[in-house]
Amino acid sequence: MTFFRGLVRLVGWLLTPLVAWAASFLGSFLGSLLGAMMGTARGGLWITAALGGLFALTSAWGWLRFLRRSPKLQQTLAVAPDGTPLAALDENASPPVSE
């Protein structure tokens, strides 16, 4: 059961970049469709990059907003309300003493 819980937490932590990555591909695809209608290749490239970035940022923002508003999801993924894993916060709370 501990292995399964750890696996779920790992997948949960990786979900934010995965969602942003998938959304950037969707935005880039839509941007390339719009860019194909442009007269210049440079304009099409800028539209593709802009929509890919916009979709990635919007999806990451939406996921983090959802995470902040869901205490049950925070507890399941063992994260703080800002999305930081609790294990990382515990390690940073007391730095090791060096002699």
N, C-alpha and C. Protein backbone atom coordinates (compact mmCIF):
# COMPACT_ATOMS: atom_id res chain seq x y z
N MET A 1 0.82 -1.19 0.00
CA MET A 1 0.00 0.00 0.00
C MET A 1 0.87 1.25 0.00
N THR A 2 2.02 1.21 0.67
CA THR A 2 2.91 2.36 0.71
C THR A 2 3.48 2.65 -0.67
N PHE A 3 3.80 1.59 -1.41
CA PHE A 3 4.31 1.77 -2.77
C PHE A 3 3.27 2.45 -3.65
N PHE A 4 2.03 2.01 -3.55
CA PHE A 4 0.95 2.59 -4.35
C PHE A 4 0.74 4.06 -4.00
N ARG A 5 0.77 4.39 -2.70
CA ARG A 5 0.60 5.78 -2.27
C ARG A 5 1.73 6.65 -2.82
N GLY A 6 2.95 6.14 -2.77
CA GLY A 6 4.09 6.88 -3.32
C GLY A 6 3.98 7.07 -4.82
N LEU A 7 3.50 6.04 -5.50
CA LEU A 7 3.33 6.14 -6.95
C LEU A 7 2.27 7.18 -7.31
N VAL A 8 1.17 7.20 -6.57
CA VAL A 8 0.11 8.19 -6.82
C VAL A 8 0.63 9.60 -6.58
N ARG A 9 1.41 9.79 -5.54
CA ARG A 9 1.97 11.11 -5.27
C ARG A 9 2.93 11.54 -6.36
N LEU A 10 3.76 10.62 -6.83
CA LEU A 10 4.70 10.96 -7.91
C LEU A 10 3.95 11.36 -9.17
N VAL A 11 2.94 10.62 -9.52
CA VAL A 11 2.14 10.96 -10.71
C VAL A 11 1.45 12.30 -10.51
N GLY A 12 0.97 12.56 -9.31
CA GLY A 12 0.33 13.84 -9.02
C GLY A 12 1.28 15.01 -9.16
N TRP A 13 2.51 14.84 -8.68
CA TRP A 13 3.50 15.90 -8.80
C TRP A 13 3.87 16.14 -10.26
N LEU A 14 3.88 15.08 -11.05
CA LEU A 14 4.25 15.22 -12.45
C LEU A 14 3.07 15.66 -13.33
N LEU A 15 1.89 15.71 -12.74
CA LEU A 15 0.71 16.05 -13.52
C LEU A 15 0.74 17.49 -14.02
N THR A 16 1.22 18.43 -13.22
CA THR A 16 1.26 19.83 -13.64
C THR A 16 2.09 20.01 -14.90
N PRO A 17 3.36 19.55 -14.93
CA PRO A 17 4.11 19.73 -16.17
C PRO A 17 3.54 18.92 -17.34
N LEU A 18 2.95 17.77 -17.04
CA LEU A 18 2.37 16.97 -18.11
C LEU A 18 1.18 17.67 -18.75
N VAL A 19 0.33 18.27 -17.92
CA VAL A 19 -0.83 19.00 -18.44
C VAL A 19 -0.35 20.21 -19.25
N ALA A 20 0.63 20.94 -18.75
CA ALA A 20 1.15 22.10 -19.47
C ALA A 20 1.80 21.67 -20.80
N TRP A 21 2.49 20.55 -20.78
CA TRP A 21 3.13 20.05 -22.00
C TRP A 21 2.08 19.67 -23.05
N ALA A 22 1.05 18.96 -22.62
CA ALA A 22 0.00 18.56 -23.56
C ALA A 22 -0.74 19.78 -24.10
N ALA A 23 -1.01 20.75 -23.23
CA ALA A 23 -1.70 21.96 -23.67
C ALA A 23 -0.84 22.76 -24.64
N SER A 24 0.47 22.77 -24.43
CA SER A 24 1.33 23.50 -25.36
C SER A 24 1.31 22.86 -26.74
N PHE A 25 1.23 21.53 -26.79
CA PHE A 25 1.12 20.87 -28.09
C PHE A 25 -0.21 21.21 -28.77
N LEU A 26 -1.29 21.24 -28.00
CA LEU A 26 -2.57 21.62 -28.57
C LEU A 26 -2.54 23.06 -29.08
N GLY A 27 -1.98 23.96 -28.29
CA GLY A 27 -1.87 25.36 -28.71
C GLY A 27 -0.99 25.51 -29.94
N SER A 28 0.10 24.77 -29.98
CA SER A 28 0.99 24.84 -31.15
C SER A 28 0.31 24.29 -32.40
N PHE A 29 -0.47 23.23 -32.22
CA PHE A 29 -1.21 22.67 -33.35
C PHE A 29 -2.20 23.69 -33.90
N LEU A 30 -2.97 24.31 -33.00
CA LEU A 30 -3.93 25.32 -33.44
C LEU A 30 -3.22 26.53 -34.04
N GLY A 31 -2.08 26.89 -33.45
CA GLY A 31 -1.29 28.00 -33.98
C GLY A 31 -0.74 27.70 -35.36
N SER A 32 -0.35 26.46 -35.59
CA SER A 32 0.16 26.11 -36.92
C SER A 32 -0.96 26.11 -37.96
N LEU A 33 -2.17 25.74 -37.53
CA LEU A 33 -3.30 25.83 -38.46
C LEU A 33 -3.58 27.28 -38.84
N LEU A 34 -3.54 28.16 -37.84
CA LEU A 34 -3.74 29.58 -38.13
C LEU A 34 -2.55 30.16 -38.88
N GLY A 35 -1.35 29.73 -38.54
CA GLY A 35 -0.15 30.23 -39.19
C GLY A 35 -0.06 29.82 -40.65
N ALA A 36 -0.69 28.72 -41.01
CA ALA A 36 -0.67 28.28 -42.41
C ALA A 36 -1.44 29.25 -43.30
N MET A 37 -2.37 29.98 -42.71
CA MET A 37 -3.14 30.96 -43.48
C MET A 37 -2.39 32.27 -43.67
N MET A 38 -1.31 32.45 -42.93
CA MET A 38 -0.53 33.69 -43.03
C MET A 38 0.28 33.68 -44.32
N GLY A 39 0.66 34.84 -44.75
CA GLY A 39 1.44 34.94 -45.98
C GLY A 39 2.91 34.63 -45.79
N THR A 40 3.42 34.83 -44.59
CA THR A 40 4.85 34.62 -44.35
C THR A 40 5.07 33.48 -43.35
N ALA A 41 6.20 32.83 -43.52
CA ALA A 41 6.54 31.74 -42.61
C ALA A 41 6.89 32.27 -41.21
N ARG A 42 7.50 33.44 -41.16
CA ARG A 42 7.88 34.02 -39.87
C ARG A 42 6.65 34.35 -39.04
N GLY A 43 5.62 34.90 -39.67
CA GLY A 43 4.38 35.19 -38.95
C GLY A 43 3.72 33.93 -38.43
N GLY A 44 3.73 32.87 -39.24
CA GLY A 44 3.16 31.60 -38.81
C GLY A 44 3.92 31.00 -37.64
N LEU A 45 5.26 31.16 -37.67
CA LEU A 45 6.07 30.66 -36.56
C LEU A 45 5.77 31.41 -35.27
N TRP A 46 5.61 32.72 -35.35
CA TRP A 46 5.29 33.51 -34.16
C TRP A 46 3.93 33.15 -33.59
N ILE A 47 2.96 32.94 -34.46
CA ILE A 47 1.62 32.55 -33.98
C ILE A 47 1.66 31.17 -33.32
N THR A 48 2.39 30.25 -33.91
CA THR A 48 2.52 28.91 -33.35
C THR A 48 3.16 28.95 -31.96
N ALA A 49 4.26 29.69 -31.85
CA ALA A 49 4.95 29.80 -30.56
C ALA A 49 4.09 30.52 -29.52
N ALA A 50 3.41 31.58 -29.93
CA ALA A 50 2.59 32.35 -28.99
C ALA A 50 1.42 31.52 -28.47
N LEU A 51 0.73 30.82 -29.34
CA LEU A 51 -0.40 30.01 -28.88
C LEU A 51 0.06 28.82 -28.04
N GLY A 52 1.17 28.22 -28.40
CA GLY A 52 1.70 27.11 -27.58
C GLY A 52 2.04 27.59 -26.18
N GLY A 53 2.72 28.71 -26.07
CA GLY A 53 3.05 29.26 -24.76
C GLY A 53 1.83 29.69 -23.97
N LEU A 54 0.89 30.32 -24.66
CA LEU A 54 -0.33 30.77 -23.99
C LEU A 54 -1.14 29.60 -23.45
N PHE A 55 -1.29 28.55 -24.23
CA PHE A 55 -2.03 27.37 -23.76
C PHE A 55 -1.31 26.70 -22.59
N ALA A 56 0.03 26.62 -22.64
CA ALA A 56 0.78 25.99 -21.55
C ALA A 56 0.64 26.79 -20.26
N LEU A 57 0.79 28.10 -20.34
CA LEU A 57 0.67 28.93 -19.14
C LEU A 57 -0.74 28.90 -18.58
N THR A 58 -1.74 28.93 -19.46
CA THR A 58 -3.12 28.91 -19.00
C THR A 58 -3.46 27.58 -18.32
N SER A 59 -2.99 26.49 -18.88
CA SER A 59 -3.29 25.19 -18.27
C SER A 59 -2.58 25.02 -16.94
N ALA A 60 -1.33 25.46 -16.83
CA ALA A 60 -0.61 25.37 -15.56
C ALA A 60 -1.28 26.25 -14.51
N TRP A 61 -1.69 27.44 -14.90
CA TRP A 61 -2.39 28.33 -13.98
C TRP A 61 -3.70 27.71 -13.51
N GLY A 62 -4.46 27.12 -14.43
CA GLY A 62 -5.72 26.48 -14.07
C GLY A 62 -5.53 25.29 -13.14
N TRP A 63 -4.51 24.47 -13.41
CA TRP A 63 -4.25 23.32 -12.55
C TRP A 63 -3.86 23.75 -11.15
N LEU A 64 -2.97 24.75 -11.05
CA LEU A 64 -2.55 25.21 -9.73
C LEU A 64 -3.70 25.89 -8.99
N ARG A 65 -4.56 26.57 -9.70
CA ARG A 65 -5.74 27.18 -9.07
C ARG A 65 -6.66 26.08 -8.52
N PHE A 66 -6.86 25.03 -9.31
CA PHE A 66 -7.68 23.89 -8.87
C PHE A 66 -7.04 23.22 -7.65
N LEU A 67 -5.72 23.08 -7.66
CA LEU A 67 -5.01 22.46 -6.55
C LEU A 67 -5.14 23.29 -5.28
N ARG A 68 -5.08 24.60 -5.41
CA ARG A 68 -5.20 25.47 -4.23
C ARG A 68 -6.59 25.42 -3.61
N ARG A 69 -7.60 25.17 -4.39
CA ARG A 69 -8.97 25.18 -3.90
C ARG A 69 -9.47 23.81 -3.46
N SER A 70 -8.68 22.77 -3.59
CA SER A 70 -9.13 21.43 -3.27
C SER A 70 -8.28 20.83 -2.13
N PRO A 71 -8.75 20.95 -0.89
CA PRO A 71 -7.99 20.37 0.23
C PRO A 71 -7.84 18.85 0.11
N LYS A 72 -8.84 18.18 -0.44
CA LYS A 72 -8.75 16.72 -0.58
C LYS A 72 -7.64 16.35 -1.55
N LEU A 73 -7.52 17.08 -2.66
CA LEU A 73 -6.45 16.82 -3.61
C LEU A 73 -5.09 17.13 -2.99
N GLN A 74 -5.00 18.19 -2.20
CA GLN A 74 -3.75 18.53 -1.52
C GLN A 74 -3.34 17.41 -0.58
N GLN A 75 -4.31 16.86 0.14
CA GLN A 75 -4.01 15.78 1.07
C GLN A 75 -3.60 14.51 0.32
N THR A 76 -4.29 14.21 -0.77
CA THR A 76 -3.97 13.01 -1.54
C THR A 76 -2.57 13.07 -2.13
N LEU A 77 -2.20 14.23 -2.68
CA LEU A 77 -0.90 14.38 -3.31
C LEU A 77 0.19 14.79 -2.32
N ALA A 78 -0.18 15.05 -1.07
CA ALA A 78 0.75 15.48 -0.02
C ALA A 78 1.52 16.72 -0.46
N VAL A 79 0.76 17.75 -0.82
CA VAL A 79 1.35 19.01 -1.22
C VAL A 79 0.78 20.14 -0.38
N ALA A 80 1.54 21.23 -0.32
CA ALA A 80 1.08 22.45 0.35
C ALA A 80 0.09 23.15 -0.59
N PRO A 81 -0.64 24.13 -0.10
CA PRO A 81 -1.60 24.82 -0.95
C PRO A 81 -0.98 25.48 -2.20
N ASP A 82 0.31 25.78 -2.17
CA ASP A 82 0.95 26.37 -3.35
C ASP A 82 1.47 25.32 -4.32
N GLY A 83 1.29 24.04 -4.00
CA GLY A 83 1.71 22.96 -4.90
C GLY A 83 3.07 22.36 -4.56
N THR A 84 3.72 22.86 -3.53
CA THR A 84 5.04 22.35 -3.14
C THR A 84 4.86 21.03 -2.38
N PRO A 85 5.59 19.99 -2.76
CA PRO A 85 5.49 18.73 -2.02
C PRO A 85 5.88 18.91 -0.55
N LEU A 86 5.12 18.31 0.35
CA LEU A 86 5.39 18.45 1.78
C LEU A 86 6.73 17.86 2.16
N ALA A 87 7.18 16.86 1.45
CA ALA A 87 8.49 16.25 1.74
C ALA A 87 9.60 17.27 1.51
N ALA A 88 9.47 18.10 0.50
CA ALA A 88 10.48 19.14 0.23
C ALA A 88 10.45 20.21 1.31
N LEU A 89 9.27 20.53 1.81
CA LEU A 89 9.16 21.53 2.87
C LEU A 89 9.77 21.02 4.16
N ASP A 90 9.59 19.74 4.47
CA ASP A 90 10.16 19.17 5.69
C ASP A 90 11.68 19.16 5.66
N GLU A 91 12.26 18.89 4.50
CA GLU A 91 13.71 18.86 4.39
C GLU A 91 14.30 20.27 4.50
N ASN A 92 13.60 21.27 3.99
CA ASN A 92 14.11 22.63 4.03
C ASN A 92 13.85 23.30 5.38
N ALA A 93 13.00 22.73 6.21
CA ALA A 93 12.65 23.37 7.48
C ALA A 93 13.84 23.40 8.44
N SER A 94 14.60 22.32 8.49
CA SER A 94 15.75 22.29 9.40
C SER A 94 16.99 21.88 8.62
N PRO A 95 17.83 22.86 8.28
CA PRO A 95 19.04 22.50 7.51
C PRO A 95 19.99 21.66 8.35
N PRO A 96 20.75 20.79 7.68
CA PRO A 96 21.68 19.93 8.42
C PRO A 96 22.77 20.75 9.09
N VAL A 97 23.22 20.28 10.24
CA VAL A 97 24.26 20.97 10.98
C VAL A 97 25.61 20.42 10.53
N SER A 98 26.49 21.31 10.11
CA SER A 98 27.82 20.86 9.68
C SER A 98 28.84 21.31 10.72
N GLU A 99 29.74 20.42 11.04
CA GLU A 99 30.76 20.74 12.07
C GLU A 99 32.12 20.76 11.47
